[in-house]
Amino acid sequence: MKLVRGKRFTTMGLLLPLLWLFSTDPVFSQTSETQPSPEPNAESGAEPAAEPPVMPVDPLQNPLDITTPDPLLPSMVVDRPLNPQEKNVLRAALDELQTQAEAKLQQGDPIGAWQIFNRELRLRRYLGPQEEVASLQRVGAVAWQESQATELRFITLRLEQIEQEATAQPEVDYDLLAAIAQAYHTVRARNQAVALYNQLFERAKQQNNVAQQRQILTALADLHLGWFDYTNAAITYEELLTLARTEKDRPTEIEALTQLAYIYQENEQPNLAVNAQQQLVEIYRTDQNFLPIPALKIAIADSYQQLNRPDLAATNYQEAFAAARSTQQFAYASDALQKLAALYLSIDRPSDALIVYQLLLDVEQQSYNSFGMMNTYDQLGQIYKSQGNTAQALVAFRQGLQLAQQLKYRVDYFNQQIEQVAGGTTGS
């Protein structure tokens, strides 16, 4: 990158009117406290900044396009790139600018902060496009958090310029373009990010570069998901799944299926969610990794309930309980049984629900879950009461009362239930 030769005003008669003019503009004025003061570099000619560079009067000008010579740049006889030592000196000064900008933001001075951030970004380009893009992404994240729409637009325009310069080169720098696409993502320039990712993906396919294809599809799917674009996210993850299976990439296959199951659930497509979840179950069984299966089986059963298939839902809750019990995952075992019992009650099968609640008591005893046991005794008591089985209802409510007294919770409720049953009433 070519340097603009630095110049400095030394005549106060010329300098003072300019300083007065720009100090009256609250957007573009700067004070000397915003300037870092690096030590002079004898080799590079860099000197401490005596005053900030003159800023534009036009508030619509992109501050990242300003070409006014900056005191932090070394003065040189001919235009040339910075040498490594000069870059290190400039990098240290820019890191100090970053710290100053962040401090001003913390102090509640956004105007001062963004003056310094923009100056830092203008100078980062002298360190090369990779470092500039990384800084644009970092500052862009701050701009998004602070709702600085104008700054986001300026940063996006600069990223577009860098992209145009990079794509015009005879040899495409994939890492740079991927970094630009990620920066677009950060500043919520969705269209630019999608377009660039698609270009990179086509190029990776032509070159049969599987690693790049996987990286791009993952980033693109995440981008769509971040915008709640479930349709395009699903399409992208399906493509990633195909690639993973072709390459026998098990971790990526599992990740793609997991995301697809989530997307289809969120998009209210339970039939497609079940398909993805069943595939995950088969993969985990094949790999003899049984720990994730109970949660998946519960999710499958939930989806079947949405599809109005209580028979298949019950089967999967039962399988979830069995898998959880075999791996001693008591929380999942309890969840599966509670949902199974509720399902039986919803389809008027109270006797089956009683059996399930008895199993649930055993699980909660194993996991020392007194609160869960208390609630289960309540459910048992309610079923017995509805069936007119006064003796069993009293037993269940009294056992629940003992636990309630230990927990000092719902004591009055259980006393009320016992009084109602003992008095021959059926009200709740």
Foldseek 3Di string as FASTA:
>chain_A
DWADAADDDDDCVVVVVLLVVQCVDLQQHAFPVLFDAFPADVVQQQGGFPTAFRFDPDPLDLLLPDRTHGSRHHGDPGIDADDPVSLVRSVVRLVVSQVVLVVCVVVVNNSNSVNSLSVSLSVQCSVPLVSSLVSLLVVLLVCVVVVVVSSLVSSLVVLVVVVVVQVPDPDHDLVSLLSSLVSCLSNVVLVVNLVSLVVQLVVCVVVVPLVSNLVSLVVNLVSCVVVVVLVVNLVSLVVQLVSCVVVVPVVSNLVSLVVNLVSCVVVVNLVSNLVSLVVNLVVCVVVVNLVVQLVSLQSNLVSVVVVVNNVSSLVSLVVSLVSCVVVVVLVSNLVSLVVNLVSCVVVPNNVVSLVSLVVNCVSCVVVVPLVSLLVSLVVQLLSCLVVVVLVSNLVSLVVSLVSCVVVVHCNVVSVVSNCCSVVPHSDD
